[in-house]
Protein backbone atom coordinates (compact mmCIF):
# COMPACT_ATOMS: atom_id res chain seq x y z
CA UNK A 1 86.95 115.94 64.18
CA UNK A 2 84.07 115.81 66.79
CA UNK A 3 82.69 111.95 67.48
CA UNK A 4 79.30 111.97 70.52
CA UNK A 5 81.21 114.91 72.46
CA UNK A 6 84.65 114.01 72.17
CA UNK A 7 86.56 116.98 70.65
CA UNK A 8 88.83 114.73 69.28
CA UNK A 9 91.88 117.14 69.39
CA UNK A 10 95.47 116.40 69.68
CA UNK A 11 98.38 119.19 69.58
CA UNK A 12 101.74 118.35 67.72
CA UNK A 13 103.70 118.38 70.82
CA UNK A 14 101.53 115.17 72.10
CA UNK A 15 102.28 113.62 68.37
CA UNK A 16 105.56 113.76 69.13
CA UNK A 17 105.66 112.48 72.38
CA UNK A 18 103.35 109.53 71.59
CA UNK A 19 106.03 108.27 68.58
CA UNK A 20 108.79 108.47 71.06
CA UNK A 21 107.22 106.44 73.76
CA UNK A 22 106.02 103.80 71.10
CA UNK A 23 109.30 103.34 69.78
CA UNK A 24 111.09 103.11 73.14
CA UNK A 25 108.11 100.44 74.13
CA UNK A 26 108.05 98.80 70.82
CA UNK A 27 110.37 95.96 71.65
CA UNK A 28 108.42 95.23 75.25
CA UNK A 29 104.81 94.89 73.28
CA UNK A 30 106.02 93.03 69.57
CA UNK A 31 103.37 90.83 70.40
CA UNK A 32 100.61 93.43 69.31
CA UNK A 33 102.56 93.89 65.94
CA UNK A 34 101.43 90.39 65.05
CA UNK A 35 97.45 90.69 65.73
CA UNK A 36 95.36 90.60 62.88
CA UNK A 37 92.89 93.37 62.67
CA UNK A 38 89.35 92.34 62.26
CA UNK A 39 87.06 95.24 63.68
CA UNK A 40 87.68 98.98 64.00
CA UNK A 41 85.77 101.16 66.56
CA UNK A 42 86.46 104.95 67.17
CA UNK A 43 84.52 106.97 69.67
CA UNK A 44 84.96 109.27 73.42
CA UNK A 45 87.42 107.61 75.50
CA UNK A 46 86.68 105.77 78.59
CA UNK A 47 90.26 106.48 79.83
CA UNK A 48 91.80 103.20 78.92
CA UNK A 49 95.44 102.98 78.53
CA UNK A 50 96.91 102.73 75.31
CA UNK A 51 98.57 99.40 74.05
CA UNK A 52 101.26 101.26 72.32
CA UNK A 53 102.48 103.99 74.23
CA UNK A 54 101.09 102.73 77.49
CA UNK A 55 99.65 106.05 78.24
CA UNK A 56 96.13 107.02 79.27
CA UNK A 57 93.73 108.15 77.00
CA UNK A 58 92.46 111.00 77.89
CA UNK A 59 88.64 111.75 78.22
CA UNK A 60 88.57 114.22 75.76
CA UNK A 61 90.23 112.12 72.73
CA UNK A 62 88.90 109.40 70.27
CA UNK A 63 89.78 106.22 71.35
CA UNK A 64 90.68 103.39 68.83
CA UNK A 65 89.47 100.14 69.57
CA UNK A 66 90.34 97.20 67.69
CA UNK A 67 88.86 93.72 67.99
CA UNK A 68 91.70 91.70 67.00
CA UNK A 69 93.69 88.07 66.92
CA UNK A 70 97.12 86.91 67.97
CA UNK A 71 98.05 83.26 67.45
CA UNK A 72 94.68 82.70 67.25
CA UNK A 73 93.29 83.94 70.33
CA UNK A 74 90.93 87.12 70.63
CA UNK A 75 92.02 90.56 71.69
CA UNK A 76 91.19 93.78 71.85
CA UNK A 77 93.54 96.25 71.30
CA UNK A 78 92.92 100.53 72.44
CA UNK A 79 95.20 103.39 71.03
CA UNK A 80 95.73 106.97 70.59
CA UNK A 81 94.64 108.42 66.95
CA UNK A 82 98.25 108.71 66.22
CA UNK A 83 99.43 105.33 67.86
CA UNK A 84 96.72 103.41 65.78
CA UNK A 85 98.55 104.80 62.77
CA UNK A 86 101.59 103.64 63.65
CA UNK A 87 100.48 100.40 65.03
CA UNK A 88 99.05 100.11 61.22
CA UNK A 89 102.13 100.98 59.74
CA UNK A 90 104.43 98.67 61.74
CA UNK A 91 102.38 95.79 61.91
CA UNK A 92 104.13 92.52 60.70
């Protein structure tokens, strides 16, 4: 994948690490699973921290930014690609 100068690559080891980290943090960040997704953008990372796994999103990676609502309050969520897909699957 290539978006605006990002190489968008994630190696398989990183995906496993992200999934494990997200699993361990799922209880502490349960509110994000109640978010209602309104809009999605994907583009070059600005080094933002992922709201699911709590790791920084590398500047060379694609960052997924979600405009959402939690209890009628607007929020912006930031994810690695793998974390975004996991978040979508686990949302209630």
